[in-house]
């Protein structure tokens, strides 16, 4: 997968950056710098194109995911993280995802499909990635959800349901609410940074 790796403290956290639809591996680098400037950074570009726009998995239409492709691409991403940890020698057990929109959805899918795949996750405006699957135990996982009460692309009920599903499987979930639609705001990133520092510093 096309990506950027920025070395920080190899024995410390690695921030896995996952952009939104139409973004690329450069989009979330400033956010990683705000969250933890000393961390390793593994920023990935989605390898699916929708009308020329990079994504992490196919969708049938807005809000309707291609679930077969979601499962396939989630597996590919999990394997890529494993391979990258060997190549760059970062601690595989300290990977913390930061995803926005489509990137948050693929990060959520990692948590829905694999135990201990992430130490933590910051999910900005995620949806429930897939339903009617048995989630693995996530007792070791801390999750921040940045949600919008008036988000037209990700209804508030999606964030509430995602919180419940993850919490019911042991994850330590914090939800931060905004009223700025689907956009990622400075105040939301600051809330994520404060949460991260409490959880991991």
C-alpha atoms as a PDB file:
ATOM      1  CA  UNK A   1       0.000   0.000   0.000  1.00  0.00           C
ATOM      2  CA  UNK A   2       1.226   3.477  -0.780  1.00  0.00           C
ATOM      3  CA  UNK A   3       2.288   5.095   2.477  1.00  0.00           C
ATOM      4  CA  UNK A   4       4.585   7.399   4.424  1.00  0.00           C
ATOM      5  CA  UNK A   5       6.557   6.249   7.459  1.00  0.00           C
ATOM      6  CA  UNK A   6       8.015   8.845   9.809  1.00  0.00           C
ATOM      7  CA  UNK A   7      10.220   7.452  12.526  1.00  0.00           C
ATOM      8  CA  UNK A   8       9.768   8.687  16.066  1.00  0.00           C
ATOM      9  CA  UNK A   9      10.477   6.635  19.174  1.00  0.00           C
ATOM     10  CA  UNK A  10      10.499   3.100  17.788  1.00  0.00           C
ATOM     11  CA  UNK A  11       9.586   1.544  21.127  1.00  0.00           C
ATOM     12  CA  UNK A  12       6.706   4.015  21.596  1.00  0.00           C
ATOM     13  CA  UNK A  13       3.323   4.407  19.889  1.00  0.00           C
ATOM     14  CA  UNK A  14       2.868   4.337  16.122  1.00  0.00           C
ATOM     15  CA  UNK A  15       0.033   6.462  14.748  1.00  0.00           C
ATOM     16  CA  UNK A  16      -1.721   4.761  11.834  1.00  0.00           C
ATOM     17  CA  UNK A  17      -3.255   7.549   9.740  1.00  0.00           C
ATOM     18  CA  UNK A  18      -6.278   6.748   7.566  1.00  0.00           C
ATOM     19  CA  UNK A  19      -7.703   9.570   5.429  1.00  0.00           C
ATOM     20  CA  UNK A  20     -11.226  10.276   4.261  1.00  0.00           C
ATOM     21  CA  UNK A  21     -12.646   9.768   0.763  1.00  0.00           C
ATOM     22  CA  UNK A  22     -10.631  11.691  -1.807  1.00  0.00           C
ATOM     23  CA  UNK A  23      -7.742  12.257   0.579  1.00  0.00           C
ATOM     24  CA  UNK A  24      -4.241  10.864   0.632  1.00  0.00           C
ATOM     25  CA  UNK A  25      -1.405   9.898   2.935  1.00  0.00           C
ATOM     26  CA  UNK A  26      -0.458  13.547   3.529  1.00  0.00           C
ATOM     27  CA  UNK A  27      -3.835  14.756   4.840  1.00  0.00           C
ATOM     28  CA  UNK A  28      -3.614  13.749   8.493  1.00  0.00           C
ATOM     29  CA  UNK A  29       0.096  14.390   9.080  1.00  0.00           C
ATOM     30  CA  UNK A  30      -0.598  17.766  10.798  1.00  0.00           C
ATOM     31  CA  UNK A  31      -3.089  16.036  13.103  1.00  0.00           C
ATOM     32  CA  UNK A  32      -0.534  13.383  14.050  1.00  0.00           C
ATOM     33  CA  UNK A  33       1.886  16.182  14.908  1.00  0.00           C
ATOM     34  CA  UNK A  34      -0.752  17.714  17.197  1.00  0.00           C
ATOM     35  CA  UNK A  35      -1.671  14.419  18.850  1.00  0.00           C
ATOM     36  CA  UNK A  36       1.856  13.124  19.557  1.00  0.00           C
ATOM     37  CA  UNK A  37       4.884  14.722  17.864  1.00  0.00           C
ATOM     38  CA  UNK A  38       7.217  12.044  19.256  1.00  0.00           C
ATOM     39  CA  UNK A  39       5.274   9.061  17.860  1.00  0.00           C
ATOM     40  CA  UNK A  40       6.115   7.021  14.801  1.00  0.00           C
ATOM     41  CA  UNK A  41       3.714   7.738  11.951  1.00  0.00           C
ATOM     42  CA  UNK A  42       2.456   5.222   9.388  1.00  0.00           C
ATOM     43  CA  UNK A  43       0.167   7.103   7.011  1.00  0.00           C
ATOM     44  CA  UNK A  44      -1.584   4.993   4.373  1.00  0.00           C
ATOM     45  CA  UNK A  45      -3.322   5.856   1.105  1.00  0.00           C
ATOM     46  CA  UNK A  46      -6.464   3.873   0.325  1.00  0.00           C
ATOM     47  CA  UNK A  47      -5.960   1.636  -2.696  1.00  0.00           C
ATOM     48  CA  UNK A  48      -9.563   1.769  -3.980  1.00  0.00           C
ATOM     49  CA  UNK A  49     -10.515   4.502  -6.440  1.00  0.00           C
ATOM     50  CA  UNK A  50     -14.052   5.871  -6.669  1.00  0.00           C
ATOM     51  CA  UNK A  51     -14.314   8.334  -9.560  1.00  0.00           C
ATOM     52  CA  UNK A  52     -10.588   8.955  -9.143  1.00  0.00           C
ATOM     53  CA  UNK A  53     -10.870   9.500  -5.374  1.00  0.00           C
ATOM     54  CA  UNK A  54      -8.844   7.206  -3.070  1.00  0.00           C
ATOM     55  CA  UNK A  55     -10.829   5.194  -0.518  1.00  0.00           C
ATOM     56  CA  UNK A  56     -10.103   2.215   1.693  1.00  0.00           C
ATOM     57  CA  UNK A  57     -12.975   0.042   0.444  1.00  0.00           C
ATOM     58  CA  UNK A  58     -15.759   0.111  -2.139  1.00  0.00           C
ATOM     59  CA  UNK A  59     -19.258   1.302  -1.473  1.00  0.00           C
ATOM     60  CA  UNK A  60     -22.484   0.698  -3.405  1.00  0.00           C
ATOM     61  CA  UNK A  61     -23.654   4.267  -2.824  1.00  0.00           C
ATOM     62  CA  UNK A  62     -23.190   6.923  -0.141  1.00  0.00           C
ATOM     63  CA  UNK A  63     -23.703   5.310   3.246  1.00  0.00           C
ATOM     64  CA  UNK A  64     -24.034   1.788   1.787  1.00  0.00           C
ATOM     65  CA  UNK A  65     -20.810  -0.226   2.006  1.00  0.00           C
ATOM     66  CA  UNK A  66     -19.726  -3.106  -0.211  1.00  0.00           C
ATOM     67  CA  UNK A  67     -19.366  -5.512   2.704  1.00  0.00           C
ATOM     68  CA  UNK A  68     -17.435  -8.184   0.807  1.00  0.00           C
ATOM     69  CA  UNK A  69     -14.856  -5.622  -0.214  1.00  0.00           C
ATOM     70  CA  UNK A  70     -14.817  -4.123   3.291  1.00  0.00           C
ATOM     71  CA  UNK A  71     -13.845  -7.505   4.756  1.00  0.00           C
ATOM     72  CA  UNK A  72     -11.227  -8.055   2.046  1.00  0.00           C
ATOM     73  CA  UNK A  73      -9.647  -4.616   2.417  1.00  0.00           C
ATOM     74  CA  UNK A  74      -9.709  -4.840   6.236  1.00  0.00           C
ATOM     75  CA  UNK A  75      -7.707  -8.065   6.010  1.00  0.00           C
ATOM     76  CA  UNK A  76      -5.277  -6.420   3.571  1.00  0.00           C
ATOM     77  CA  UNK A  77      -4.771  -3.480   5.932  1.00  0.00           C
ATOM     78  CA  UNK A  78      -4.196  -5.733   8.948  1.00  0.00           C
ATOM     79  CA  UNK A  79      -1.574  -7.683   6.996  1.00  0.00           C
ATOM     80  CA  UNK A  80       0.051  -4.448   5.808  1.00  0.00           C
ATOM     81  CA  UNK A  81       0.417  -3.215   9.402  1.00  0.00           C
ATOM     82  CA  UNK A  82       2.118  -6.502  10.309  1.00  0.00           C
ATOM     83  CA  UNK A  83       4.488  -6.210   7.341  1.00  0.00           C
ATOM     84  CA  UNK A  84       5.243  -2.539   8.045  1.00  0.00           C
ATOM     85  CA  UNK A  85       6.084  -3.269  11.689  1.00  0.00           C
ATOM     86  CA  UNK A  86       8.702  -5.775  10.531  1.00  0.00           C
ATOM     87  CA  UNK A  87      10.073  -3.465   7.855  1.00  0.00           C
ATOM     88  CA  UNK A  88      10.296  -0.352  10.029  1.00  0.00           C
ATOM     89  CA  UNK A  89      10.876  -2.121  13.372  1.00  0.00           C
ATOM     90  CA  UNK A  90       8.140  -0.377  15.359  1.00  0.00           C
ATOM     91  CA  UNK A  91       6.276  -2.067  18.220  1.00  0.00           C
ATOM     92  CA  UNK A  92       3.305  -3.875  16.639  1.00  0.00           C
ATOM     93  CA  UNK A  93       1.485  -3.834  19.985  1.00  0.00           C
ATOM     94  CA  UNK A  94       1.457  -0.034  20.179  1.00  0.00           C
ATOM     95  CA  UNK A  95      -0.394   0.911  16.994  1.00  0.00           C
ATOM     96  CA  UNK A  96      -3.055   3.593  17.472  1.00  0.00           C
ATOM     97  CA  UNK A  97      -5.253   4.422  14.491  1.00  0.00           C
ATOM     98  CA  UNK A  98      -6.380   7.938  13.639  1.00  0.00           C
ATOM     99  CA  UNK A  99      -9.061   7.799  10.974  1.00  0.00           C
ATOM    100  CA  UNK A 100     -11.429  10.334   9.453  1.00  0.00           C
ATOM    101  CA  UNK A 101     -14.702   9.362   7.751  1.00  0.00           C
ATOM    102  CA  UNK A 102     -13.857   6.490   5.356  1.00  0.00           C
ATOM    103  CA  UNK A 103     -10.561   6.038   7.188  1.00  0.00           C
ATOM    104  CA  UNK A 104     -12.399   5.864  10.518  1.00  0.00           C
ATOM    105  CA  UNK A 105     -14.684   3.218   9.051  1.00  0.00           C
ATOM    106  CA  UNK A 106     -11.827   0.934   7.996  1.00  0.00           C
ATOM    107  CA  UNK A 107     -10.222   1.434  11.423  1.00  0.00           C
ATOM    108  CA  UNK A 108     -13.527   0.483  13.031  1.00  0.00           C
ATOM    109  CA  UNK A 109     -13.663  -2.573  10.797  1.00  0.00           C
ATOM    110  CA  UNK A 110     -10.242  -3.633  12.088  1.00  0.00           C
ATOM    111  CA  UNK A 111     -11.696  -3.580  15.606  1.00  0.00           C
ATOM    112  CA  UNK A 112     -14.789  -5.495  14.484  1.00  0.00           C
ATOM    113  CA  UNK A 113     -12.736  -8.288  12.897  1.00  0.00           C
ATOM    114  CA  UNK A 114      -9.468  -8.696  14.844  1.00  0.00           C
ATOM    115  CA  UNK A 115      -8.504  -8.976  18.488  1.00  0.00           C
ATOM    116  CA  UNK A 116      -5.568  -6.825  19.644  1.00  0.00           C
ATOM    117  CA  UNK A 117      -5.103  -5.380  16.152  1.00  0.00           C
ATOM    118  CA  UNK A 118      -4.919  -1.854  17.613  1.00  0.00           C
ATOM    119  CA  UNK A 119      -3.938  -0.564  21.026  1.00  0.00           C
ATOM    120  CA  UNK A 120      -6.293   2.342  20.511  1.00  0.00           C
ATOM    121  CA  UNK A 121      -8.219   4.283  17.902  1.00  0.00           C
ATOM    122  CA  UNK A 122      -9.282   7.860  17.301  1.00  0.00           C
ATOM    123  CA  UNK A 123     -12.294   7.665  15.007  1.00  0.00           C
ATOM    124  CA  UNK A 124     -13.455  10.978  13.545  1.00  0.00           C
ATOM    125  CA  UNK A 125     -17.032  10.723  12.199  1.00  0.00           C
ATOM    126  CA  UNK A 126     -17.248   6.942  11.816  1.00  0.00           C
ATOM    127  CA  UNK A 127     -20.240   4.770  10.968  1.00  0.00           C
ATOM    128  CA  UNK A 128     -20.905   1.219  12.113  1.00  0.00           C
ATOM    129  CA  UNK A 129     -18.750  -0.586   9.536  1.00  0.00           C
ATOM    130  CA  UNK A 130     -20.620  -3.896   9.481  1.00  0.00           C
ATOM    131  CA  UNK A 131     -23.491  -5.478  11.379  1.00  0.00           C
ATOM    132  CA  UNK A 132     -24.387  -9.004  12.380  1.00  0.00           C
ATOM    133  CA  UNK A 133     -20.841 -10.104  13.090  1.00  0.00           C
ATOM    134  CA  UNK A 134     -19.479 -11.330  16.398  1.00  0.00           C
ATOM    135  CA  UNK A 135     -16.939  -8.794  17.616  1.00  0.00           C
ATOM    136  CA  UNK A 136     -13.692  -9.981  19.188  1.00  0.00           C
ATOM    137  CA  UNK A 137     -12.831  -9.132  22.776  1.00  0.00           C
ATOM    138  CA  UNK A 138     -11.536  -5.528  22.857  1.00  0.00           C
ATOM    139  CA  UNK A 139     -10.832  -5.216  26.601  1.00  0.00           C
ATOM    140  CA  UNK A 140      -7.329  -3.880  25.924  1.00  0.00           C
ATOM    141  CA  UNK A 141      -8.500  -1.217  23.468  1.00  0.00           C
ATOM    142  CA  UNK A 142      -9.237   2.472  24.098  1.00  0.00           C
ATOM    143  CA  UNK A 143     -11.409   4.258  21.527  1.00  0.00           C
ATOM    144  CA  UNK A 144     -12.213   7.936  20.989  1.00  0.00           C
ATOM    145  CA  UNK A 145     -15.182   8.723  18.747  1.00  0.00           C
ATOM    146  CA  UNK A 146     -15.529  12.245  17.377  1.00  0.00           C
ATOM    147  CA  UNK A 147     -19.137  12.639  16.295  1.00  0.00           C
ATOM    148  CA  UNK A 148     -21.473  15.296  14.953  1.00  0.00           C
ATOM    149  CA  UNK A 149     -24.977  15.816  16.289  1.00  0.00           C
ATOM    150  CA  UNK A 150     -25.910  17.321  12.916  1.00  0.00           C
ATOM    151  CA  UNK A 151     -23.602  15.307  10.642  1.00  0.00           C
ATOM    152  CA  UNK A 152     -25.491  14.743   7.347  1.00  0.00           C
ATOM    153  CA  UNK A 153     -23.203  11.894   6.249  1.00  0.00           C
ATOM    154  CA  UNK A 154     -22.969  10.080   9.577  1.00  0.00           C
ATOM    155  CA  UNK A 155     -26.153  10.282  11.664  1.00  0.00           C
ATOM    156  CA  UNK A 156     -25.702  10.615  15.420  1.00  0.00           C
ATOM    157  CA  UNK A 157     -27.412   7.254  15.965  1.00  0.00           C
ATOM    158  CA  UNK A 158     -24.521   5.591  14.096  1.00  0.00           C
ATOM    159  CA  UNK A 159     -22.039   6.944  16.621  1.00  0.00           C
ATOM    160  CA  UNK A 160     -24.222   5.861  19.537  1.00  0.00           C
ATOM    161  CA  UNK A 161     -24.605   2.352  18.111  1.00  0.00           C
ATOM    162  CA  UNK A 162     -20.867   2.083  17.413  1.00  0.00           C
ATOM    163  CA  UNK A 163     -20.099   3.152  20.987  1.00  0.00           C
ATOM    164  CA  UNK A 164     -22.460   0.488  22.351  1.00  0.00           C
ATOM    165  CA  UNK A 165     -21.110  -2.306  20.153  1.00  0.00           C
ATOM    166  CA  UNK A 166     -17.487  -1.597  21.065  1.00  0.00           C
ATOM    167  CA  UNK A 167     -18.197  -1.023  24.766  1.00  0.00           C
ATOM    168  CA  UNK A 168     -20.230  -4.226  24.986  1.00  0.00           C
ATOM    169  CA  UNK A 169     -17.118  -6.081  23.829  1.00  0.00           C
ATOM    170  CA  UNK A 170     -14.881  -4.519  26.440  1.00  0.00           C
ATOM    171  CA  UNK A 171     -13.449  -1.453  24.721  1.00  0.00           C
ATOM    172  CA  UNK A 172     -12.993   1.720  26.769  1.00  0.00           C
ATOM    173  CA  UNK A 173     -14.965   4.185  24.623  1.00  0.00           C
ATOM    174  CA  UNK A 174     -15.170   7.982  24.879  1.00  0.00           C
ATOM    175  CA  UNK A 175     -17.496   9.984  22.617  1.00  0.00           C
ATOM    176  CA  UNK A 176     -16.949  13.683  21.908  1.00  0.00           C
ATOM    177  CA  UNK A 177     -19.867  15.529  20.295  1.00  0.00           C
ATOM    178  CA  UNK A 178     -19.665  18.538  17.967  1.00  0.00           C
ATOM    179  CA  UNK A 179     -22.238  20.560  16.016  1.00  0.00           C
ATOM    180  CA  UNK A 180     -20.191  21.213  12.890  1.00  0.00           C
ATOM    181  CA  UNK A 181     -21.585  18.696  10.441  1.00  0.00           C
ATOM    182  CA  UNK A 182     -19.134  16.192   8.953  1.00  0.00           C
ATOM    183  CA  UNK A 183     -16.077  18.431   9.010  1.00  0.00           C
ATOM    184  CA  UNK A 184     -13.103  17.796  11.265  1.00  0.00           C
ATOM    185  CA  UNK A 185     -12.635  20.818  13.511  1.00  0.00           C
ATOM    186  CA  UNK A 186      -9.827  22.154  15.655  1.00  0.00           C
ATOM    187  CA  UNK A 187     -11.857  21.610  18.825  1.00  0.00           C
ATOM    188  CA  UNK A 188     -12.481  17.967  17.922  1.00  0.00           C
ATOM    189  CA  UNK A 189      -8.780  17.354  17.298  1.00  0.00           C
ATOM    190  CA  UNK A 190      -7.929  19.076  20.586  1.00  0.00           C
ATOM    191  CA  UNK A 191     -10.391  16.819  22.407  1.00  0.00           C
ATOM    192  CA  UNK A 192      -8.776  13.797  20.756  1.00  0.00           C
ATOM    193  CA  UNK A 193      -5.332  15.040  21.786  1.00  0.00           C
ATOM    194  CA  UNK A 194      -6.432  15.508  25.413  1.00  0.00           C
ATOM    195  CA  UNK A 195      -7.933  12.007  25.429  1.00  0.00           C
ATOM    196  CA  UNK A 196      -4.771  10.520  23.895  1.00  0.00           C
ATOM    197  CA  UNK A 197      -2.516  12.157  26.472  1.00  0.00           C
ATOM    198  CA  UNK A 198      -4.626  10.795  29.332  1.00  0.00           C
ATOM    199  CA  UNK A 199      -4.710   7.308  27.831  1.00  0.00           C
ATOM    200  CA  UNK A 200      -1.172   6.837  26.576  1.00  0.00           C
ATOM    201  CA  UNK A 201       1.142   9.381  28.269  1.00  0.00           C
END
